[in-house]
C-alpha cells in the first residue's frame, strides 16, 4: 500500500488527469486546470484549506475513480509532523481490513476532526485578531477576512467588532460617523468596499491631474528655454 501511495505522490495525482482525459475524448468536455492541495503536516490552522482543496480536486478531476484510489491520493499529500503517525495508523487499519471508507469524504471528515476541532477554532480566532488591511484593497481584505472567519464561529456582533478593528482607521471612522452607519457584517463588507473604491479612484484622479500639471509646466519651461536660445534678429 505504501508503494501505491508513493506512486500517486510521484505522479502528482496524475491518476485523476488520466481519467479526465479519457472522458474528455468521448464527451468533448473542455480541459479545466485545478490546483492540487499543498502537503499537509498536521497543522490545525491548515486542515480546513487542505480538506477544501482535496474536495475540489476530487470533484473536478477524480470523481470517476474508485474510492480506494481517491483515499490513497489524499493520504499521499499527508506528510510530516504529527500527520505521519496518523497516516501510518490509517494505512495499517486499511491493510488489515479494520477500516474501510465508502467515500473519500469520510476520510476527509475524519482527518478534519483529528487535526481541527477546538484547536482549529482557536487558531482562527488568533488569526482574526492579527489580521490587518494594510495596503490591500478592501475587496482583497474582505475575502481574506471571510476566509479566516470561516471556522472561528464568530457571528454578527463579534464578527463586526473584529472587522472594524482590522480595517484601515480612516475607512472605519467614515463609516462609523455616517448618518446611517452599517449594522450587519454584510453591510460593513459592502459599504467598506464601496468607500475604499471611491477613495482609491479619487487618489488616481488627483495623481493624473498632478501629472498633467507637471507635464504642462515642463512644456512651458522647455518653450521658454528654447526661446532664450534663439538668436536675436
Protein backbone atom coordinates (compact mmCIF):
# COMPACT_ATOMS: atom_id res chain seq x y z
CA UNK A 1 0.00 0.00 0.00
CA UNK A 2 2.94 2.31 0.73
CA UNK A 3 4.13 1.71 -2.83
CA UNK A 4 0.73 2.79 -4.16
CA UNK A 5 0.83 6.00 -2.15
CA UNK A 6 4.36 6.84 -3.26
CA UNK A 7 3.41 6.21 -6.88
CA UNK A 8 0.44 8.57 -6.57
CA UNK A 9 2.57 11.25 -4.95
CA UNK A 10 5.29 10.92 -7.59
CA UNK A 11 2.68 11.30 -10.30
CA UNK A 12 1.25 14.34 -8.51
CA UNK A 13 -2.24 12.91 -8.65
CA UNK A 14 -1.99 12.20 -12.37
CA UNK A 15 -4.45 9.37 -11.96
CA UNK A 16 -7.16 11.98 -11.90
CA UNK A 17 -5.80 13.53 -15.08
CA UNK A 18 -5.88 10.16 -16.86
CA UNK A 19 -9.49 9.61 -16.01
CA UNK A 20 -10.35 13.14 -17.08
CA UNK A 21 -8.54 12.79 -20.40
CA UNK A 22 -10.38 9.55 -21.14
CA UNK A 23 -13.76 11.14 -20.64
CA UNK A 24 -12.72 14.32 -22.40
CA UNK A 25 -12.07 12.42 -25.62
CA UNK A 26 -15.51 10.81 -25.59
CA UNK A 27 -17.64 13.69 -24.28
CA UNK A 28 -15.63 16.58 -25.79
CA UNK A 29 -15.50 18.37 -22.42
CA UNK A 30 -13.00 21.24 -22.16
CA UNK A 31 -9.89 20.73 -20.07
CA UNK A 32 -10.04 22.54 -16.72
CA UNK A 33 -6.95 23.30 -14.63
CA UNK A 34 -7.39 22.63 -10.90
CA UNK A 35 -4.73 23.31 -8.28
CA UNK A 36 -3.56 20.33 -6.23
CA UNK A 37 -3.52 20.64 -2.44
CA UNK A 38 -0.35 21.59 -0.58
CA UNK A 39 1.29 18.93 1.59
CA UNK A 40 -0.48 18.73 4.96
CA UNK A 41 1.72 18.13 8.01
CA UNK A 42 -0.91 18.19 10.72
CA UNK A 43 -1.03 21.93 11.49
CA UNK A 44 -4.50 22.70 12.85
CA UNK A 45 -4.72 26.05 11.10
CA UNK A 46 -4.17 24.45 7.68
CA UNK A 47 -6.52 21.47 7.87
CA UNK A 48 -9.55 23.40 6.59
CA UNK A 49 -7.75 24.64 3.49
CA UNK A 50 -6.30 21.19 2.83
CA UNK A 51 -9.70 19.50 3.05
CA UNK A 52 -11.28 22.12 0.77
CA UNK A 53 -8.50 21.75 -1.82
CA UNK A 54 -8.85 17.94 -1.76
CA UNK A 55 -12.63 18.12 -2.20
CA UNK A 56 -12.30 20.47 -5.16
CA UNK A 57 -9.65 18.37 -6.91
CA UNK A 58 -11.53 15.11 -6.32
CA UNK A 59 -14.73 16.59 -7.66
CA UNK A 60 -13.16 18.17 -10.73
CA UNK A 61 -10.55 15.55 -11.64
CA UNK A 62 -11.12 12.23 -9.85
CA UNK A 63 -14.85 11.81 -9.29
CA UNK A 64 -14.99 8.80 -11.66
CA UNK A 65 -12.14 6.94 -9.95
CA UNK A 66 -12.53 4.16 -7.37
CA UNK A 67 -12.85 5.25 -3.75
CA UNK A 68 -9.73 3.27 -2.84
CA UNK A 69 -7.59 5.30 -5.24
CA UNK A 70 -9.14 8.55 -4.02
CA UNK A 71 -8.28 7.60 -0.42
CA UNK A 72 -4.68 6.75 -1.37
CA UNK A 73 -4.40 10.02 -3.27
CA UNK A 74 -5.47 12.02 -0.20
CA UNK A 75 -3.03 10.11 2.02
CA UNK A 76 -0.21 10.82 -0.45
CA UNK A 77 -0.49 14.52 0.45
CA UNK A 78 -0.42 13.86 4.23
CA UNK A 79 3.24 14.06 5.26
CA UNK A 80 5.47 15.29 8.05
CA UNK A 81 4.93 16.31 11.65
CA UNK A 82 2.14 14.65 13.60
CA UNK A 83 0.39 13.75 10.35
CA UNK A 84 2.88 10.93 9.61
CA UNK A 85 1.85 8.88 12.66
CA UNK A 86 -1.83 9.35 11.89
CA UNK A 87 -1.30 8.27 8.28
CA UNK A 88 0.61 5.14 9.34
CA UNK A 89 -2.24 4.15 11.65
CA UNK A 90 -4.81 4.68 8.90
CA UNK A 91 -2.77 2.61 6.46
CA UNK A 92 -2.44 -0.26 8.93
CA UNK A 93 -6.19 -0.23 9.53
CA UNK A 94 -6.79 -0.32 5.77
CA UNK A 95 -4.28 -3.13 5.22
CA UNK A 96 -5.79 -5.45 7.84
CA UNK A 97 -9.34 -4.56 6.92
CA UNK A 98 -10.18 -2.89 10.23
CA UNK A 99 -11.23 0.26 8.42
CA UNK A 100 -12.90 0.79 5.05
CA UNK A 101 -14.13 4.10 3.69
CA UNK A 102 -17.20 4.03 1.48
CA UNK A 103 -16.38 7.52 0.19
CA UNK A 104 -13.30 9.76 0.21
CA UNK A 105 -15.40 12.34 2.06
CA UNK A 106 -15.46 10.02 5.09
CA UNK A 107 -11.66 10.11 5.26
CA UNK A 108 -11.61 13.91 4.93
CA UNK A 109 -14.17 14.21 7.75
CA UNK A 110 -12.05 12.01 10.00
CA UNK A 111 -8.91 13.97 9.10
CA UNK A 112 -10.53 17.33 9.84
CA UNK A 113 -11.89 16.07 13.17
CA UNK A 114 -8.47 14.65 14.11
CA UNK A 115 -6.44 17.77 13.34
CA UNK A 116 -9.03 20.54 13.62
CA UNK A 117 -11.75 20.62 16.21
CA UNK A 118 -11.46 23.17 19.00
CA UNK A 119 -7.81 23.84 18.26
CA UNK A 120 -8.61 24.97 14.71
CA UNK A 121 -11.27 27.31 16.08
CA UNK A 122 -8.75 28.83 18.50
CA UNK A 123 -6.22 29.26 15.69
CA UNK A 124 -8.83 31.05 13.56
CA UNK A 125 -9.62 33.46 16.41
CA UNK A 126 -5.93 34.31 16.81
CA UNK A 127 -5.63 34.85 13.05
CA UNK A 128 -8.60 37.23 13.10
CA UNK A 129 -7.04 39.32 15.84
CA UNK A 130 -3.74 39.56 13.99
CA UNK A 131 -5.32 40.43 10.64
CA UNK A 132 -4.82 43.93 9.22
CA UNK A 133 -5.92 45.51 5.95
CA UNK A 134 -2.67 47.38 5.42
CA UNK A 135 -2.18 48.44 1.80
CA UNK A 136 -4.60 45.89 0.37
CA UNK A 137 -7.78 46.92 -1.39
CA UNK A 138 -10.92 46.39 0.65
CA UNK A 139 -12.11 43.71 -1.80
CA UNK A 140 -8.99 41.62 -1.16
CA UNK A 141 -9.13 42.29 2.56
CA UNK A 142 -12.79 41.23 2.82
CA UNK A 143 -12.04 37.94 1.05
CA UNK A 144 -9.13 37.27 3.40
CA UNK A 145 -11.24 38.21 6.42
CA UNK A 146 -14.03 35.86 5.34
CA UNK A 147 -11.53 33.03 4.86
CA UNK A 148 -10.10 33.45 8.34
CA UNK A 149 -13.51 34.00 9.96
CA UNK A 150 -14.81 30.76 8.50
CA UNK A 151 -14.41 28.19 11.27
CA UNK A 152 -13.94 30.73 14.08
CA UNK A 153 -17.65 30.52 14.99
CA UNK A 154 -17.77 34.31 15.26
CA UNK A 155 -21.12 35.70 14.15
CA UNK A 156 -22.56 39.19 13.62
CA UNK A 157 -21.62 41.45 16.57
CA UNK A 158 -18.29 39.76 17.45
CA UNK A 159 -17.52 39.48 13.74
CA UNK A 160 -18.34 43.15 13.13
CA UNK A 161 -16.13 44.09 16.06
CA UNK A 162 -13.17 42.17 14.62
CA UNK A 163 -13.75 43.55 11.11
CA UNK A 164 -13.84 47.16 12.38
CA UNK A 165 -10.63 46.63 14.31
CA UNK A 166 -8.80 45.03 11.36
CA UNK A 167 -9.70 47.57 8.66
CA UNK A 168 -7.87 50.84 7.98
CA UNK A 169 -8.76 53.54 10.51
CA UNK A 170 -9.86 56.22 8.03
CA UNK A 171 -12.49 53.98 6.41
CA UNK A 172 -13.68 52.79 9.83
CA UNK A 173 -14.07 56.36 11.05
CA UNK A 174 -16.07 57.47 7.99
CA UNK A 175 -18.45 54.52 8.25
CA UNK A 176 -18.99 54.95 11.98
CA UNK A 177 -19.64 58.70 11.55
CA UNK A 178 -22.08 58.17 8.65
CA UNK A 179 -25.68 59.29 9.09
CA UNK A 180 -26.81 55.67 8.87
CA UNK A 181 -23.81 53.53 9.90
CA UNK A 182 -23.81 49.85 8.85
CA UNK A 183 -25.10 47.34 11.35
CA UNK A 184 -24.79 43.81 9.91
CA UNK A 185 -21.48 42.32 8.83
CA UNK A 186 -22.67 42.15 5.21
CA UNK A 187 -23.44 45.87 5.29
CA UNK A 188 -19.97 46.55 6.66
CA UNK A 189 -18.41 44.47 3.87
CA UNK A 190 -20.44 46.14 1.10
CA UNK A 191 -20.13 49.77 2.25
CA UNK A 192 -16.46 49.44 3.20
CA UNK A 193 -15.64 48.13 -0.29
CA UNK A 194 -17.62 50.93 -1.95
CA UNK A 195 -15.91 53.58 0.18
CA UNK A 196 -12.49 52.10 -0.47
CA UNK A 197 -13.11 52.03 -4.25
CA UNK A 198 -14.23 55.68 -4.25
CA UNK A 199 -11.23 56.74 -2.18
CA UNK A 200 -8.76 54.94 -4.46
CA UNK A 201 -10.42 56.36 -7.60
CA UNK A 202 -10.22 59.86 -6.10
CA UNK A 203 -6.50 59.36 -5.45
CA UNK A 204 -5.96 58.17 -9.02
CA UNK A 205 -7.72 61.27 -10.39
CA UNK A 206 -5.60 63.56 -8.23
CA UNK A 207 -2.43 61.84 -9.42
CA UNK A 208 -3.49 62.17 -13.07
CA UNK A 209 -4.28 65.86 -12.55
CA UNK A 210 -0.94 66.46 -10.82
CA UNK A 211 0.96 64.69 -13.61
CA UNK A 212 -0.94 66.76 -16.17
CA UNK A 213 0.03 69.99 -14.43
CA UNK A 214 3.63 68.85 -14.09
CA UNK A 215 3.75 67.96 -17.79
CA UNK A 216 2.26 71.35 -18.73
CA UNK A 217 4.81 73.13 -16.51
CA UNK A 218 7.68 71.20 -18.04
CA UNK A 219 6.45 72.11 -21.52
CA UNK A 220 6.30 75.81 -20.62
CA UNK A 221 9.82 75.66 -19.22
CA UNK A 222 11.04 73.90 -22.35
CA UNK A 223 9.49 76.53 -24.62
CA UNK A 224 10.93 79.41 -22.54
CA UNK A 225 14.37 77.83 -22.60
CA UNK A 226 14.10 77.28 -26.34
CA UNK A 227 13.09 80.92 -26.95
CA UNK A 228 16.03 82.18 -24.89
CA UNK A 229 18.42 80.15 -27.04
CA UNK A 230 17.10 81.60 -30.29
CA UNK A 231 19.45 84.28 -31.80
CA UNK A 232 18.30 87.88 -31.75
CA UNK A 233 17.45 89.34 -35.19
